[in-house]
Amino acid sequence: MSGMATMNISLPDDMKSHVEEQVKAGSFANASDYIRDLIRYDQRERDMIRAAVSKGDASADSASTIDEIVESEFAAIRAECN
């Protein structure tokens, strides 16, 4: 990994407790690992949405609803990841 920067964030008590539970359960080494994992997940989700929108923009008109198209794209991407 390249350099790391420090960022202080404020969380409501219930969110702080949730982060601490994830670490205590052994899912993550520390709170920073958990937050980094959440950010990576968010980045992937946003990339998938951008890809789906681009694919839709480049395709012909469809009789499917937006929700159907989005779910179909997410299902295809999830299948590739498994």
PDB file of N, CA and C in Angstrom:
ATOM      1  N   MET A   1       0.835  -1.173   0.000  1.00  0.00           N
ATOM      2  CA  MET A   1       0.000   0.000   0.000  1.00  0.00           C
ATOM      3  C   MET A   1       0.882   1.240   0.000  1.00  0.00           C
ATOM      4  N   SER A   2       0.423   2.257  -0.674  1.00  0.00           N
ATOM      5  CA  SER A   2       1.160   3.522  -0.628  1.00  0.00           C
ATOM      6  C   SER A   2       0.893   4.194   0.714  1.00  0.00           C
ATOM      7  N   GLY A   3       1.303   5.428   0.855  1.00  0.00           N
ATOM      8  CA  GLY A   3       1.174   6.135   2.121  1.00  0.00           C
ATOM      9  C   GLY A   3      -0.233   6.130   2.678  1.00  0.00           C
ATOM     10  N   MET A   4      -0.312   6.225   3.964  1.00  0.00           N
ATOM     11  CA  MET A   4      -1.600   6.262   4.653  1.00  0.00           C
ATOM     12  C   MET A   4      -1.766   7.623   5.294  1.00  0.00           C
ATOM     13  N   ALA A   5      -2.949   8.148   5.200  1.00  0.00           N
ATOM     14  CA  ALA A   5      -3.291   9.404   5.862  1.00  0.00           C
ATOM     15  C   ALA A   5      -4.223   9.089   7.028  1.00  0.00           C
ATOM     16  N   THR A   6      -4.247   9.958   7.983  1.00  0.00           N
ATOM     17  CA  THR A   6      -5.120   9.804   9.136  1.00  0.00           C
ATOM     18  C   THR A   6      -6.333  10.702   8.965  1.00  0.00           C
ATOM     19  N   MET A   7      -7.507  10.149   9.296  1.00  0.00           N
ATOM     20  CA  MET A   7      -8.744  10.923   9.228  1.00  0.00           C
ATOM     21  C   MET A   7      -9.537  10.627  10.497  1.00  0.00           C
ATOM     22  N   ASN A   8      -9.945  11.642  11.184  1.00  0.00           N
ATOM     23  CA  ASN A   8     -10.783  11.469  12.366  1.00  0.00           C
ATOM     24  C   ASN A   8     -12.236  11.637  11.962  1.00  0.00           C
ATOM     25  N   ILE A   9     -13.078  10.720  12.417  1.00  0.00           N
ATOM     26  CA  ILE A   9     -14.501  10.817  12.107  1.00  0.00           C
ATOM     27  C   ILE A   9     -15.305  10.724  13.399  1.00  0.00           C
ATOM     28  N   SER A  10     -16.500  11.268  13.364  1.00  0.00           N
ATOM     29  CA  SER A  10     -17.415  11.187  14.498  1.00  0.00           C
ATOM     30  C   SER A  10     -18.554  10.259  14.133  1.00  0.00           C
ATOM     31  N   LEU A  11     -18.906   9.380  15.060  1.00  0.00           N
ATOM     32  CA  LEU A  11     -19.990   8.427  14.847  1.00  0.00           C
ATOM     33  C   LEU A  11     -20.965   8.483  16.012  1.00  0.00           C
ATOM     34  N   PRO A  12     -22.244   8.262  15.729  1.00  0.00           N
ATOM     35  CA  PRO A  12     -23.190   8.102  16.842  1.00  0.00           C
ATOM     36  C   PRO A  12     -22.792   6.859  17.647  1.00  0.00           C
ATOM     37  N   ASP A  13     -23.200   6.810  18.894  1.00  0.00           N
ATOM     38  CA  ASP A  13     -22.824   5.710  19.782  1.00  0.00           C
ATOM     39  C   ASP A  13     -23.172   4.339  19.196  1.00  0.00           C
ATOM     40  N   ASP A  14     -24.353   4.210  18.569  1.00  0.00           N
ATOM     41  CA  ASP A  14     -24.750   2.905  18.054  1.00  0.00           C
ATOM     42  C   ASP A  14     -23.854   2.460  16.892  1.00  0.00           C
ATOM     43  N   MET A  15     -23.403   3.384  16.069  1.00  0.00           N
ATOM     44  CA  MET A  15     -22.495   3.030  14.979  1.00  0.00           C
ATOM     45  C   MET A  15     -21.116   2.671  15.519  1.00  0.00           C
ATOM     46  N   LYS A  16     -20.661   3.416  16.508  1.00  0.00           N
ATOM     47  CA  LYS A  16     -19.374   3.111  17.129  1.00  0.00           C
ATOM     48  C   LYS A  16     -19.418   1.716  17.733  1.00  0.00           C
ATOM     49  N   SER A  17     -20.507   1.380  18.403  1.00  0.00           N
ATOM     50  CA  SER A  17     -20.664   0.050  18.994  1.00  0.00           C
ATOM     51  C   SER A  17     -20.648  -1.034  17.914  1.00  0.00           C
ATOM     52  N   HIS A  18     -21.287  -0.760  16.801  1.00  0.00           N
ATOM     53  CA  HIS A  18     -21.308  -1.724  15.702  1.00  0.00           C
ATOM     54  C   HIS A  18     -19.897  -1.987  15.184  1.00  0.00           C
ATOM     55  N   VAL A  19     -19.133  -0.938  14.982  1.00  0.00           N
ATOM     56  CA  VAL A  19     -17.747  -1.085  14.514  1.00  0.00           C
ATOM     57  C   VAL A  19     -16.957  -1.909  15.529  1.00  0.00           C
ATOM     58  N   GLU A  20     -17.088  -1.575  16.801  1.00  0.00           N
ATOM     59  CA  GLU A  20     -16.364  -2.298  17.844  1.00  0.00           C
ATOM     60  C   GLU A  20     -16.760  -3.770  17.882  1.00  0.00           C
ATOM     61  N   GLU A  21     -18.047  -4.070  17.646  1.00  0.00           N
ATOM     62  CA  GLU A  21     -18.515  -5.465  17.612  1.00  0.00           C
ATOM     63  C   GLU A  21     -17.876  -6.230  16.458  1.00  0.00           C
ATOM     64  N   GLN A  22     -17.746  -5.575  15.310  1.00  0.00           N
ATOM     65  CA  GLN A  22     -17.126  -6.229  14.156  1.00  0.00           C
ATOM     66  C   GLN A  22     -15.668  -6.582  14.447  1.00  0.00           C
ATOM     67  N   VAL A  23     -14.983  -5.683  15.097  1.00  0.00           N
ATOM     68  CA  VAL A  23     -13.584  -5.919  15.450  1.00  0.00           C
ATOM     69  C   VAL A  23     -13.488  -7.012  16.509  1.00  0.00           C
ATOM     70  N   LYS A  24     -14.334  -6.925  17.537  1.00  0.00           N
ATOM     71  CA  LYS A  24     -14.319  -7.909  18.626  1.00  0.00           C
ATOM     72  C   LYS A  24     -14.639  -9.306  18.111  1.00  0.00           C
ATOM     73  N   ALA A  25     -15.509  -9.397  17.115  1.00  0.00           N
ATOM     74  CA  ALA A  25     -15.885 -10.697  16.546  1.00  0.00           C
ATOM     75  C   ALA A  25     -14.753 -11.306  15.724  1.00  0.00           C
ATOM     76  N   GLY A  26     -13.718 -10.519  15.474  1.00  0.00           N
ATOM     77  CA  GLY A  26     -12.583 -11.029  14.724  1.00  0.00           C
ATOM     78  C   GLY A  26     -12.717 -10.856  13.225  1.00  0.00           C
ATOM     79  N   SER A  27     -13.764 -10.180  12.796  1.00  0.00           N
ATOM     80  CA  SER A  27     -13.964  -9.956  11.365  1.00  0.00           C
ATOM     81  C   SER A  27     -12.922  -9.000  10.804  1.00  0.00           C
ATOM     82  N   PHE A  28     -12.427  -8.106  11.636  1.00  0.00           N
ATOM     83  CA  PHE A  28     -11.467  -7.088  11.218  1.00  0.00           C
ATOM     84  C   PHE A  28     -10.435  -6.901  12.320  1.00  0.00           C
ATOM     85  N   ALA A  29      -9.219  -6.546  11.934  1.00  0.00           N
ATOM     86  CA  ALA A  29      -8.145  -6.369  12.912  1.00  0.00           C
ATOM     87  C   ALA A  29      -8.380  -5.152  13.800  1.00  0.00           C
ATOM     88  N   ASN A  30      -8.990  -4.119  13.219  1.00  0.00           N
ATOM     89  CA  ASN A  30      -9.233  -2.884  13.971  1.00  0.00           C
ATOM     90  C   ASN A  30     -10.291  -2.055  13.239  1.00  0.00           C
ATOM     91  N   ALA A  31     -10.677  -0.949  13.836  1.00  0.00           N
ATOM     92  CA  ALA A  31     -11.726  -0.105  13.259  1.00  0.00           C
ATOM     93  C   ALA A  31     -11.319   0.435  11.887  1.00  0.00           C
ATOM     94  N   SER A  32     -10.058   0.759  11.713  1.00  0.00           N
ATOM     95  CA  SER A  32      -9.597   1.275  10.423  1.00  0.00           C
ATOM     96  C   SER A  32      -9.783   0.238   9.314  1.00  0.00           C
ATOM     97  N   ASP A  33      -9.479  -1.032   9.607  1.00  0.00           N
ATOM     98  CA  ASP A  33      -9.682  -2.093   8.607  1.00  0.00           C
ATOM     99  C   ASP A  33     -11.149  -2.186   8.206  1.00  0.00           C
ATOM    100  N   TYR A  34     -12.033  -2.075   9.194  1.00  0.00           N
ATOM    101  CA  TYR A  34     -13.470  -2.151   8.910  1.00  0.00           C
ATOM    102  C   TYR A  34     -13.915  -0.985   8.029  1.00  0.00           C
ATOM    103  N   ILE A  35     -13.504   0.217   8.363  1.00  0.00           N
ATOM    104  CA  ILE A  35     -13.891   1.395   7.577  1.00  0.00           C
ATOM    105  C   ILE A  35     -13.320   1.303   6.164  1.00  0.00           C
ATOM    106  N   ARG A  36     -12.081   0.851   6.030  1.00  0.00           N
ATOM    107  CA  ARG A  36     -11.497   0.687   4.685  1.00  0.00           C
ATOM    108  C   ARG A  36     -12.293  -0.323   3.874  1.00  0.00           C
ATOM    109  N   ASP A  37     -12.737  -1.411   4.530  1.00  0.00           N
ATOM    110  CA  ASP A  37     -13.543  -2.412   3.832  1.00  0.00           C
ATOM    111  C   ASP A  37     -14.867  -1.806   3.351  1.00  0.00           C
ATOM    112  N   LEU A  38     -15.498  -1.004   4.183  1.00  0.00           N
ATOM    113  CA  LEU A  38     -16.748  -0.343   3.785  1.00  0.00           C
ATOM    114  C   LEU A  38     -16.531   0.594   2.598  1.00  0.00           C
ATOM    115  N   ILE A  39     -15.433   1.309   2.604  1.00  0.00           N
ATOM    116  CA  ILE A  39     -15.141   2.239   1.509  1.00  0.00           C
ATOM    117  C   ILE A  39     -14.883   1.468   0.220  1.00  0.00           C
ATOM    118  N   ARG A  40     -14.122   0.362   0.301  1.00  0.00           N
ATOM    119  CA  ARG A  40     -13.884  -0.454  -0.899  1.00  0.00           C
ATOM    120  C   ARG A  40     -15.199  -0.983  -1.453  1.00  0.00           C
ATOM    121  N   TYR A  41     -16.099  -1.435  -0.560  1.00  0.00           N
ATOM    122  CA  TYR A  41     -17.411  -1.926  -0.989  1.00  0.00           C
ATOM    123  C   TYR A  41     -18.182  -0.814  -1.696  1.00  0.00           C
ATOM    124  N   ASP A  42     -18.188   0.364  -1.119  1.00  0.00           N
ATOM    125  CA  ASP A  42     -18.888   1.503  -1.714  1.00  0.00           C
ATOM    126  C   ASP A  42     -18.310   1.835  -3.084  1.00  0.00           C
ATOM    127  N   GLN A  43     -16.992   1.806  -3.201  1.00  0.00           N
ATOM    128  CA  GLN A  43     -16.353   2.096  -4.488  1.00  0.00           C
ATOM    129  C   GLN A  43     -16.770   1.071  -5.546  1.00  0.00           C
ATOM    130  N   ARG A  44     -16.783  -0.216  -5.175  1.00  0.00           N
ATOM    131  CA  ARG A  44     -17.196  -1.261  -6.122  1.00  0.00           C
ATOM    132  C   ARG A  44     -18.647  -1.074  -6.555  1.00  0.00           C
ATOM    133  N   GLU A  45     -19.518  -0.791  -5.584  1.00  0.00           N
ATOM    134  CA  GLU A  45     -20.935  -0.592  -5.903  1.00  0.00           C
ATOM    135  C   GLU A  45     -21.120   0.579  -6.863  1.00  0.00           C
ATOM    136  N   ARG A  46     -20.439   1.673  -6.606  1.00  0.00           N
ATOM    137  CA  ARG A  46     -20.548   2.843  -7.478  1.00  0.00           C
ATOM    138  C   ARG A  46     -19.995   2.547  -8.863  1.00  0.00           C
ATOM    139  N   ASP A  47     -18.899   1.784  -8.933  1.00  0.00           N
ATOM    140  CA  ASP A  47     -18.340   1.396 -10.231  1.00  0.00           C
ATOM    141  C   ASP A  47     -19.340   0.526 -10.997  1.00  0.00           C
ATOM    142  N   MET A  48     -20.017  -0.390 -10.290  1.00  0.00           N
ATOM    143  CA  MET A  48     -21.017  -1.247 -10.952  1.00  0.00           C
ATOM    144  C   MET A  48     -22.176  -0.411 -11.484  1.00  0.00           C
ATOM    145  N   ILE A  49     -22.597   0.573 -10.714  1.00  0.00           N
ATOM    146  CA  ILE A  49     -23.704   1.434 -11.156  1.00  0.00           C
ATOM    147  C   ILE A  49     -23.289   2.233 -12.384  1.00  0.00           C
ATOM    148  N   ARG A  50     -22.084   2.798 -12.350  1.00  0.00           N
ATOM    149  CA  ARG A  50     -21.595   3.548 -13.518  1.00  0.00           C
ATOM    150  C   ARG A  50     -21.522   2.655 -14.750  1.00  0.00           C
ATOM    151  N   ALA A  51     -21.039   1.430 -14.581  1.00  0.00           N
ATOM    152  CA  ALA A  51     -20.934   0.496 -15.706  1.00  0.00           C
ATOM    153  C   ALA A  51     -22.318   0.153 -16.251  1.00  0.00           C
ATOM    154  N   ALA A  52     -23.279  -0.051 -15.373  1.00  0.00           N
ATOM    155  CA  ALA A  52     -24.641  -0.373 -15.808  1.00  0.00           C
ATOM    156  C   ALA A  52     -25.263   0.797 -16.561  1.00  0.00           C
ATOM    157  N   VAL A  53     -25.037   2.007 -16.073  1.00  0.00           N
ATOM    158  CA  VAL A  53     -25.576   3.186 -16.752  1.00  0.00           C
ATOM    159  C   VAL A  53     -24.937   3.353 -18.126  1.00  0.00           C
ATOM    160  N   SER A  54     -23.631   3.170 -18.199  1.00  0.00           N
ATOM    161  CA  SER A  54     -22.941   3.277 -19.486  1.00  0.00           C
ATOM    162  C   SER A  54     -23.433   2.229 -20.463  1.00  0.00           C
ATOM    163  N   LYS A  55     -23.599   1.009 -19.980  1.00  0.00           N
ATOM    164  CA  LYS A  55     -24.100  -0.067 -20.839  1.00  0.00           C
ATOM    165  C   LYS A  55     -25.513   0.270 -21.328  1.00  0.00           C
ATOM    166  N   GLY A  56     -26.320   0.801 -20.441  1.00  0.00           N
ATOM    167  CA  GLY A  56     -27.675   1.186 -20.818  1.00  0.00           C
ATOM    168  C   GLY A  56     -27.695   2.315 -21.831  1.00  0.00           C
ATOM    169  N   ASP A  57     -26.839   3.278 -21.644  1.00  0.00           N
ATOM    170  CA  ASP A  57     -26.759   4.397 -22.584  1.00  0.00           C
ATOM    171  C   ASP A  57     -26.365   3.920 -23.979  1.00  0.00           C
ATOM    172  N   ALA A  58     -25.540   2.885 -24.036  1.00  0.00           N
ATOM    173  CA  ALA A  58     -25.040   2.393 -25.321  1.00  0.00           C
ATOM    174  C   ALA A  58     -25.976   1.382 -25.977  1.00  0.00           C
ATOM    175  N   SER A  59     -27.011   0.953 -25.265  1.00  0.00           N
ATOM    176  CA  SER A  59     -27.894  -0.083 -25.802  1.00  0.00           C
ATOM    177  C   SER A  59     -29.158   0.516 -26.423  1.00  0.00           C
ATOM    178  N   ALA A  60     -29.872  -0.344 -27.112  1.00  0.00           N
ATOM    179  CA  ALA A  60     -31.145   0.062 -27.725  1.00  0.00           C
ATOM    180  C   ALA A  60     -32.201   0.232 -26.632  1.00  0.00           C
ATOM    181  N   ASP A  61     -33.326   0.824 -26.992  1.00  0.00           N
ATOM    182  CA  ASP A  61     -34.429   0.979 -26.045  1.00  0.00           C
ATOM    183  C   ASP A  61     -34.871  -0.390 -25.536  1.00  0.00           C
ATOM    184  N   SER A  62     -35.377  -0.418 -24.305  1.00  0.00           N
ATOM    185  CA  SER A  62     -35.771  -1.669 -23.677  1.00  0.00           C
ATOM    186  C   SER A  62     -37.178  -1.552 -23.119  1.00  0.00           C
ATOM    187  N   ALA A  63     -37.879  -2.681 -23.081  1.00  0.00           N
ATOM    188  CA  ALA A  63     -39.204  -2.718 -22.470  1.00  0.00           C
ATOM    189  C   ALA A  63     -39.106  -2.953 -20.965  1.00  0.00           C
ATOM    190  N   SER A  64     -37.905  -3.253 -20.472  1.00  0.00           N
ATOM    191  CA  SER A  64     -37.693  -3.514 -19.047  1.00  0.00           C
ATOM    192  C   SER A  64     -37.718  -2.212 -18.257  1.00  0.00           C
ATOM    193  N   THR A  65     -38.106  -2.331 -16.986  1.00  0.00           N
ATOM    194  CA  THR A  65     -38.067  -1.166 -16.102  1.00  0.00           C
ATOM    195  C   THR A  65     -36.624  -0.922 -15.666  1.00  0.00           C
ATOM    196  N   ILE A  66     -36.368   0.250 -15.142  1.00  0.00           N
ATOM    197  CA  ILE A  66     -35.030   0.567 -14.643  1.00  0.00           C
ATOM    198  C   ILE A  66     -34.640  -0.406 -13.542  1.00  0.00           C
ATOM    199  N   ASP A  67     -35.568  -0.693 -12.622  1.00  0.00           N
ATOM    200  CA  ASP A  67     -35.270  -1.627 -11.534  1.00  0.00           C
ATOM    201  C   ASP A  67     -34.913  -3.011 -12.068  1.00  0.00           C
ATOM    202  N   GLU A  68     -35.619  -3.478 -13.085  1.00  0.00           N
ATOM    203  CA  GLU A  68     -35.318  -4.782 -13.677  1.00  0.00           C
ATOM    204  C   GLU A  68     -33.937  -4.789 -14.326  1.00  0.00           C
ATOM    205  N   ILE A  69     -33.615  -3.722 -15.018  1.00  0.00           N
ATOM    206  CA  ILE A  69     -32.311  -3.633 -15.674  1.00  0.00           C
ATOM    207  C   ILE A  69     -31.195  -3.615 -14.643  1.00  0.00           C
ATOM    208  N   VAL A  70     -31.344  -2.793 -13.617  1.00  0.00           N
ATOM    209  CA  VAL A  70     -30.316  -2.693 -12.580  1.00  0.00           C
ATOM    210  C   VAL A  70     -30.142  -4.036 -11.878  1.00  0.00           C
ATOM    211  N   GLU A  71     -31.232  -4.687 -11.511  1.00  0.00           N
ATOM    212  CA  GLU A  71     -31.135  -5.980 -10.830  1.00  0.00           C
ATOM    213  C   GLU A  71     -30.484  -7.027 -11.723  1.00  0.00           C
ATOM    214  N   SER A  72     -30.809  -7.009 -12.997  1.00  0.00           N
ATOM    215  CA  SER A  72     -30.193  -7.943 -13.935  1.00  0.00           C
ATOM    216  C   SER A  72     -28.686  -7.732 -14.018  1.00  0.00           C
ATOM    217  N   GLU A  73     -28.267  -6.476 -14.066  1.00  0.00           N
ATOM    218  CA  GLU A  73     -26.838  -6.175 -14.137  1.00  0.00           C
ATOM    219  C   GLU A  73     -26.125  -6.591 -12.857  1.00  0.00           C
ATOM    220  N   PHE A  74     -26.728  -6.296 -11.706  1.00  0.00           N
ATOM    221  CA  PHE A  74     -26.110  -6.689 -10.448  1.00  0.00           C
ATOM    222  C   PHE A  74     -26.021  -8.209 -10.341  1.00  0.00           C
ATOM    223  N   ALA A  75     -27.053  -8.918 -10.779  1.00  0.00           N
ATOM    224  CA  ALA A  75     -27.036 -10.379 -10.739  1.00  0.00           C
ATOM    225  C   ALA A  75     -25.903 -10.926 -11.606  1.00  0.00           C
ATOM    226  N   ALA A  76     -25.716 -10.341 -12.779  1.00  0.00           N
ATOM    227  CA  ALA A  76     -24.635 -10.785 -13.668  1.00  0.00           C
ATOM    228  C   ALA A  76     -23.271 -10.534 -13.036  1.00  0.00           C
ATOM    229  N   ILE A  77     -23.107  -9.388 -12.410  1.00  0.00           N
ATOM    230  CA  ILE A  77     -21.823  -9.058 -11.781  1.00  0.00           C
ATOM    231  C   ILE A  77     -21.579  -9.962 -10.584  1.00  0.00           C
ATOM    232  N   ARG A  78     -22.615 -10.216  -9.792  1.00  0.00           N
ATOM    233  CA  ARG A  78     -22.455 -11.114  -8.627  1.00  0.00           C
ATOM    234  C   ARG A  78     -22.083 -12.516  -9.092  1.00  0.00           C
ATOM    235  N   ALA A  79     -22.690 -12.974 -10.178  1.00  0.00           N
ATOM    236  CA  ALA A  79     -22.384 -14.299 -10.703  1.00  0.00           C
ATOM    237  C   ALA A  79     -20.921 -14.393 -11.141  1.00  0.00           C
ATOM    238  N   GLU A  80     -20.394 -13.307 -11.710  1.00  0.00           N
ATOM    239  CA  GLU A  80     -18.986 -13.285 -12.100  1.00  0.00           C
ATOM    240  C   GLU A  80     -18.058 -13.354 -10.906  1.00  0.00           C
ATOM    241  N   CYS A  81     -18.501 -12.792  -9.785  1.00  0.00           N
ATOM    242  CA  CYS A  81     -17.660 -12.748  -8.584  1.00  0.00           C
ATOM    243  C   CYS A  81     -17.673 -14.079  -7.813  1.00  0.00           C
ATOM    244  N   ASN A  82     -18.638 -14.920  -8.081  1.00  0.00           N
ATOM    245  CA  ASN A  82     -18.744 -16.191  -7.339  1.00  0.00           C
ATOM    246  C   ASN A  82     -18.079 -17.307  -8.046  1.00  0.00           C
TER     247      ASN A  82
END
